[in-house]
Amino acid sequence: MALSSEFPVDLEAAILDLKRERNALILAHYYQEDPIQDLADVVGDSLALARAAQTADCELIVFCGVHFMAETAAILNPGRPVVVPDLDAGCSLADGCPADAFGEFVGQHPGAKVLTYINASAEVKAMSDLICTSSNAVKMVESMGDAPLIFAPDRHLARWVSKQTGREDLIVWPGACVVHEQFSARELARLKVRNPEADVLAHPECDQSVLDQADFVASTTGIIQRAVEFPERPSIVATEEGVFHSIRQQAPDKVLIPAPGADESCSCSLCPYMRLNTLEKLYLSLRDLGPEVSVDPVIAERARVPIERMLELS
């Protein structure tokens, strides 16, 4: 969105003024552009942002992330408006697991419990026994006991969790993240040859061929912590490039190298959905109190149970 006469010259100051005027809480995911992270009250991964939403003390939540995250905030805050900079900021995982098809899938496995990755719609969460994030997925699987277990919607995270827990019998919905699946194992191997001293950090949503080359596999927060722990060592990072901002705030001289995709011309480490949010849209969302994300009360009530259970177990 280009700047026009409808935007103040000092956009950041205007956003902060509106935030105070609206008594708003701005939540931003690590995958947001740097200026949005700098203006947010809380920057974090899905688990941290869910916790922040659960304990919010404000009149308005502005969620700078993607749609399923804002839905989770709305579910945890009935009666409190949740707005987003761009309503089209979706998620390939959530979009690739439509509620009607998932309901049929669950019906094909009577007696199975359902563990759903937080990257899913409110309707899919409402069909679940428990929710997880990449940072607590192993713990959530272990909490489910030995009962048959459906894991949705990310097949790569499911495979990684299966290896970590020894649960080789997971019933997996075959979804994938459009960003993490683009990283190329072949190009990563070439990059490692050129940077033999680099530490390869990868998100478990990546393909197994990428994880096999990683020195460290963890959630977004885990990747940031690992990179900061070794500031003198270059890191090749196989997740969304937005994490670089938080790493550089804590380790300014850290050398960070995005993991490559198969196509050298692509911006493989930038999520096209996360990057729909801009400062201009954040300003408008505060000014106009929209677009608002709402969840059907019946769906919200059912989805709140597995989300709150995850937060309690975490």
Protein backbone atom coordinates (compact mmCIF):
# COMPACT_ATOMS: atom_id res chain seq x y z
CA MET A 1 0.00 0.00 0.00
CA ALA A 2 1.55 3.30 -1.08
CA LEU A 3 1.55 6.28 1.25
CA SER A 4 -1.10 8.85 0.43
CA SER A 5 -2.65 11.94 1.96
CA GLU A 6 -4.79 9.79 4.25
CA PHE A 7 -1.69 8.72 6.20
CA PRO A 8 0.16 10.96 8.68
CA VAL A 9 3.77 11.83 7.94
CA ASP A 10 4.99 10.17 11.15
CA LEU A 11 3.16 6.88 10.81
CA GLU A 12 4.81 5.17 13.79
CA ALA A 13 3.92 8.01 16.16
CA ALA A 14 0.34 8.05 14.88
CA ILE A 15 0.02 4.31 15.50
CA LEU A 16 1.28 4.69 19.06
CA ASP A 17 -1.12 7.60 19.65
CA LEU A 18 -4.06 5.53 18.41
CA LYS A 19 -2.92 2.56 20.49
CA ARG A 20 -3.09 4.68 23.63
CA GLU A 21 -6.38 6.27 22.59
CA ARG A 22 -8.01 2.90 21.92
CA ASN A 23 -6.39 1.21 24.94
CA ALA A 24 -5.20 -1.39 22.46
CA LEU A 25 -2.79 -4.29 22.78
CA ILE A 26 -0.72 -4.95 19.64
CA LEU A 27 0.40 -8.55 19.26
CA ALA A 28 2.88 -9.44 16.52
CA HIS A 29 4.32 -12.73 15.36
CA TYR A 30 8.06 -13.09 14.78
CA TYR A 31 7.31 -13.40 11.05
CA GLN A 32 6.07 -9.81 10.76
CA GLU A 33 8.17 -7.11 9.12
CA ASP A 34 10.63 -5.34 11.42
CA PRO A 35 8.74 -2.04 11.90
CA ILE A 36 5.61 -3.87 13.06
CA GLN A 37 7.62 -5.91 15.56
CA ASP A 38 9.13 -2.70 16.89
CA LEU A 39 5.70 -1.19 17.57
CA ALA A 40 4.12 -4.29 19.13
CA ASP A 41 3.51 -4.74 22.85
CA VAL A 42 4.23 -8.46 22.57
CA VAL A 43 6.27 -10.21 19.89
CA GLY A 44 6.36 -13.99 19.98
CA ASP A 45 5.52 -17.36 18.52
CA SER A 46 2.03 -18.87 18.46
CA LEU A 47 2.24 -20.16 22.02
CA ALA A 48 3.49 -16.88 23.50
CA LEU A 49 0.88 -14.89 21.62
CA ALA A 50 -1.91 -17.23 22.73
CA ARG A 51 -0.79 -16.72 26.32
CA ALA A 52 -0.68 -12.96 25.83
CA ALA A 53 -4.18 -13.01 24.35
CA GLN A 54 -5.47 -15.12 27.23
CA THR A 55 -4.25 -12.60 29.82
CA ALA A 56 -4.94 -9.43 27.81
CA ASP A 57 -5.96 -6.37 29.81
CA CYS A 58 -7.15 -3.92 27.17
CA GLU A 59 -10.20 -2.75 25.25
CA LEU A 60 -8.96 -3.84 21.83
CA ILE A 61 -6.56 -6.48 20.49
CA VAL A 62 -4.76 -5.75 17.23
CA PHE A 63 -3.26 -8.98 15.92
CA CYS A 64 -0.40 -8.68 13.45
CA GLY A 65 -0.06 -12.22 12.21
CA VAL A 66 -2.37 -14.45 10.23
CA HIS A 67 -6.07 -15.21 10.47
CA PHE A 68 -5.97 -18.35 12.62
CA MET A 69 -3.92 -16.49 15.24
CA ALA A 70 -6.46 -13.68 15.43
CA GLU A 71 -9.24 -16.27 15.68
CA THR A 72 -7.45 -17.84 18.64
CA ALA A 73 -7.25 -14.44 20.33
CA ALA A 74 -10.96 -13.88 19.69
CA ILE A 75 -11.81 -17.31 21.10
CA LEU A 76 -9.88 -16.54 24.28
CA ASN A 77 -11.45 -13.08 24.59
CA PRO A 78 -15.22 -13.33 24.12
CA GLY A 79 -16.73 -9.87 23.98
CA ARG A 80 -13.43 -8.09 23.30
CA PRO A 81 -12.89 -6.94 19.68
CA VAL A 82 -9.94 -8.37 17.77
CA VAL A 83 -8.89 -6.59 14.60
CA VAL A 84 -6.22 -7.36 12.01
CA PRO A 85 -4.35 -5.20 9.51
CA ASP A 86 -5.34 -7.44 6.58
CA LEU A 87 -8.17 -9.96 6.62
CA ASP A 88 -6.59 -11.81 3.68
CA ALA A 89 -3.53 -12.77 5.75
CA GLY A 90 -4.30 -16.48 5.86
CA CYS A 91 -2.25 -19.66 6.19
CA SER A 92 -1.62 -22.50 3.76
CA LEU A 93 -1.91 -25.04 6.58
CA ALA A 94 -5.27 -23.73 7.78
CA ASP A 95 -6.57 -23.29 4.24
CA GLY A 96 -5.44 -26.80 3.31
CA CYS A 97 -7.50 -28.39 6.08
CA PRO A 98 -11.13 -27.35 5.48
CA ALA A 99 -13.50 -28.17 8.30
CA ASP A 100 -15.92 -30.30 6.27
CA ALA A 101 -13.15 -32.50 4.83
CA PHE A 102 -11.46 -32.75 8.20
CA GLY A 103 -14.73 -33.77 9.83
CA GLU A 104 -15.02 -36.63 7.34
CA PHE A 105 -11.40 -37.60 8.03
CA VAL A 106 -12.03 -37.73 11.78
CA GLY A 107 -15.17 -39.78 11.15
CA GLN A 108 -13.09 -42.39 9.34
CA HIS A 109 -11.16 -43.07 12.56
CA PRO A 110 -13.74 -43.69 15.29
CA GLY A 111 -12.27 -43.70 18.78
CA ALA A 112 -9.18 -41.68 17.83
CA LYS A 113 -8.29 -38.56 19.79
CA VAL A 114 -7.57 -35.40 17.81
CA LEU A 115 -4.46 -33.27 18.38
CA THR A 116 -4.47 -30.19 16.18
CA TYR A 117 -1.57 -27.89 15.44
CA ILE A 118 -2.59 -24.32 16.19
CA ASN A 119 -2.23 -23.47 12.47
CA ALA A 120 -5.86 -24.42 11.83
CA SER A 121 -9.24 -22.76 11.63
CA ALA A 122 -11.54 -22.29 14.61
CA GLU A 123 -13.88 -24.91 13.15
CA VAL A 124 -11.10 -27.52 13.04
CA LYS A 125 -9.98 -26.59 16.55
CA ALA A 126 -13.56 -27.14 17.70
CA MET A 127 -13.30 -30.78 16.54
CA SER A 128 -10.13 -31.32 18.56
CA ASP A 129 -9.33 -32.77 21.96
CA LEU A 130 -6.15 -30.74 22.34
CA ILE A 131 -4.20 -28.04 20.49
CA CYS A 132 -0.43 -27.82 20.17
CA THR A 133 2.24 -25.49 18.81
CA SER A 134 5.60 -26.45 17.37
CA SER A 135 7.23 -25.59 20.71
CA ASN A 136 5.04 -27.94 22.76
CA ALA A 137 3.88 -30.56 20.24
CA VAL A 138 6.03 -33.33 21.72
CA LYS A 139 4.71 -32.65 25.21
CA MET A 140 1.12 -32.54 23.97
CA VAL A 141 1.47 -35.88 22.16
CA GLU A 142 2.95 -37.45 25.27
CA SER A 143 0.05 -36.12 27.34
CA MET A 144 -2.44 -37.99 25.14
CA GLY A 145 -1.37 -41.44 26.28
CA ASP A 146 -1.44 -44.45 23.97
CA ALA A 147 -4.87 -43.95 22.42
CA PRO A 148 -5.11 -43.74 18.60
CA LEU A 149 -4.19 -40.17 17.73
CA ILE A 150 -5.00 -37.97 14.74
CA PHE A 151 -2.42 -35.21 14.13
CA ALA A 152 -3.34 -32.32 11.86
CA PRO A 153 -2.70 -30.40 9.70
CA ASP A 154 1.10 -30.43 9.15
CA ARG A 155 2.57 -33.73 7.98
CA HIS A 156 6.19 -32.62 8.42
CA LEU A 157 5.68 -31.56 12.03
CA ALA A 158 3.79 -34.82 12.60
CA ARG A 159 6.70 -36.85 11.25
CA TRP A 160 9.19 -34.98 13.43
CA VAL A 161 7.00 -35.38 16.53
CA SER A 162 6.59 -39.07 15.74
CA LYS A 163 10.37 -39.50 15.76
CA GLN A 164 10.74 -37.56 19.02
CA THR A 165 8.02 -39.47 20.86
CA GLY A 166 8.28 -42.92 19.27
CA ARG A 167 4.61 -42.66 18.26
CA GLU A 168 4.86 -44.22 14.81
CA ASP A 169 1.11 -44.79 14.67
CA LEU A 170 -0.02 -41.17 14.32
CA ILE A 171 -2.91 -40.70 11.90
CA VAL A 172 -1.72 -37.71 9.88
CA TRP A 173 -3.61 -35.13 7.84
CA PRO A 174 -1.37 -34.46 4.79
CA GLY A 175 -0.90 -30.67 5.02
CA ALA A 176 2.23 -28.53 4.66
CA CYS A 177 3.45 -24.95 5.10
CA VAL A 178 3.99 -23.09 1.84
CA VAL A 179 7.15 -21.43 3.24
CA HIS A 180 8.90 -24.29 5.02
CA GLU A 181 8.24 -26.79 2.25
CA GLN A 182 10.07 -24.61 -0.30
CA PHE A 183 13.50 -24.98 1.28
CA SER A 184 15.69 -27.12 -0.94
CA ALA A 185 17.81 -29.89 0.55
CA ARG A 186 20.09 -29.89 -2.51
CA GLU A 187 20.73 -26.14 -2.38
CA LEU A 188 21.15 -26.30 1.39
CA ALA A 189 23.89 -28.91 0.97
CA ARG A 190 25.70 -26.62 -1.48
CA LEU A 191 25.32 -23.69 0.91
CA LYS A 192 26.80 -25.74 3.75
CA VAL A 193 29.85 -26.54 1.61
CA ARG A 194 30.40 -22.80 1.12
CA ASN A 195 29.83 -22.10 4.81
CA PRO A 196 31.29 -25.10 6.69
CA GLU A 197 31.39 -23.22 10.00
CA ALA A 198 27.68 -22.37 9.94
CA ASP A 199 25.12 -23.84 12.31
CA VAL A 200 22.00 -25.01 10.42
CA LEU A 201 18.80 -24.21 12.33
CA ALA A 202 15.54 -25.60 11.01
CA HIS A 203 11.86 -25.51 11.90
CA PRO A 204 10.17 -28.94 12.16
CA GLU A 205 7.69 -27.89 9.44
CA CYS A 206 10.53 -28.42 6.95
CA ASP A 207 10.86 -31.54 4.81
CA GLN A 208 12.82 -34.41 6.34
CA SER A 209 15.60 -33.99 3.74
CA VAL A 210 16.19 -30.49 5.16
CA LEU A 211 15.94 -31.59 8.80
CA ASP A 212 18.50 -34.33 8.13
CA GLN A 213 21.07 -31.61 7.43
CA ALA A 214 20.18 -29.46 10.44
CA ASP A 215 22.35 -29.10 13.52
CA PHE A 216 19.33 -27.96 15.52
CA VAL A 217 15.58 -28.42 14.98
CA ALA A 218 13.18 -26.33 17.02
CA SER A 219 10.23 -23.96 17.05
CA THR A 220 10.57 -20.33 16.06
CA THR A 221 11.45 -19.33 19.62
CA GLY A 222 13.91 -22.21 19.93
CA ILE A 223 15.67 -21.15 16.73
CA ILE A 224 16.02 -17.58 18.00
CA GLN A 225 17.40 -18.77 21.33
CA ARG A 226 19.92 -21.09 19.66
CA ALA A 227 21.14 -18.36 17.30
CA VAL A 228 21.59 -15.91 20.16
CA GLU A 229 23.37 -18.52 22.29
CA PHE A 230 26.23 -18.71 19.77
CA PRO A 231 26.63 -15.13 18.50
CA GLU A 232 30.06 -15.76 17.00
CA ARG A 233 28.89 -18.67 14.83
CA PRO A 234 27.09 -18.00 11.50
CA SER A 235 23.64 -19.56 11.25
CA ILE A 236 21.82 -20.86 8.20
CA VAL A 237 18.18 -20.46 9.13
CA ALA A 238 15.39 -22.58 7.64
CA THR A 239 12.34 -20.67 8.75
CA GLU A 240 10.65 -17.34 7.96
CA GLU A 241 13.18 -14.52 7.74
CA GLY A 242 11.24 -12.36 10.20
CA VAL A 243 13.09 -14.10 13.06
CA PHE A 244 16.28 -12.30 11.98
CA HIS A 245 15.06 -9.08 13.58
CA SER A 246 14.74 -10.57 17.06
CA ILE A 247 18.08 -12.36 16.73
CA ARG A 248 19.88 -9.19 15.67
CA GLN A 249 18.36 -7.23 18.53
CA GLN A 250 20.07 -9.65 20.92
CA ALA A 251 23.18 -10.47 18.86
CA PRO A 252 23.83 -7.48 16.56
CA ASP A 253 26.95 -8.93 14.93
CA LYS A 254 25.47 -12.35 14.25
CA VAL A 255 25.86 -13.58 10.66
CA LEU A 256 22.49 -14.92 9.44
CA ILE A 257 21.99 -16.72 6.14
CA PRO A 258 18.52 -17.63 4.83
CA ALA A 259 18.14 -21.25 3.82
CA PRO A 260 17.76 -21.47 0.04
CA GLY A 261 14.91 -22.63 -2.11
CA ALA A 262 15.21 -24.54 -5.36
CA ASP A 263 14.60 -21.34 -7.33
CA GLU A 264 17.28 -18.73 -6.70
CA SER A 265 14.91 -15.93 -7.74
CA CYS A 266 12.26 -16.67 -5.10
CA SER A 267 11.98 -15.07 -1.68
CA CYS A 268 11.42 -18.51 -0.20
CA SER A 269 11.94 -17.47 3.41
CA LEU A 270 9.25 -14.76 3.33
CA CYS A 271 5.67 -15.81 4.10
CA PRO A 272 3.38 -14.19 1.52
CA TYR A 273 0.51 -14.17 4.03
CA MET A 274 2.42 -12.68 6.97
CA ARG A 275 3.85 -10.01 4.69
CA LEU A 276 0.39 -8.73 3.71
CA ASN A 277 0.43 -6.78 6.97
CA THR A 278 2.07 -3.35 6.73
CA LEU A 279 2.42 -0.26 8.92
CA GLU A 280 -0.17 1.50 6.78
CA LYS A 281 -2.69 -1.28 7.32
CA LEU A 282 -1.88 -1.42 11.02
CA TYR A 283 -2.64 2.31 11.25
CA LEU A 284 -5.96 1.88 9.43
CA SER A 285 -6.98 -1.06 11.61
CA LEU A 286 -6.51 1.09 14.71
CA ARG A 287 -8.15 4.15 13.17
CA ASP A 288 -11.17 2.34 11.74
CA LEU A 289 -11.43 -0.50 14.30
CA GLY A 290 -11.39 -3.11 11.58
CA PRO A 291 -11.38 -5.45 9.90
CA GLU A 292 -12.63 -7.37 12.90
CA VAL A 293 -12.18 -11.12 13.30
CA SER A 294 -15.14 -12.88 14.85
CA VAL A 295 -15.88 -16.52 15.59
CA ASP A 296 -19.33 -18.08 15.85
CA PRO A 297 -20.05 -18.32 19.60
CA VAL A 298 -20.91 -22.02 19.44
CA ILE A 299 -17.68 -22.81 17.56
CA ALA A 300 -15.70 -20.54 19.87
CA GLU A 301 -17.00 -22.27 22.99
CA ARG A 302 -16.04 -25.69 21.66
CA ALA A 303 -12.63 -24.52 20.40
CA ARG A 304 -11.79 -22.75 23.66
CA VAL A 305 -11.69 -26.03 25.60
CA PRO A 306 -8.72 -27.66 23.77
CA ILE A 307 -6.88 -24.32 23.52
CA GLU A 308 -7.15 -23.64 27.24
CA ARG A 309 -6.16 -27.23 27.99
CA MET A 310 -2.99 -26.71 25.95
CA LEU A 311 -2.20 -23.53 27.85
CA GLU A 312 -2.70 -25.31 31.15
CA LEU A 313 -0.44 -28.19 30.13
CA SER A 314 2.20 -25.79 28.85
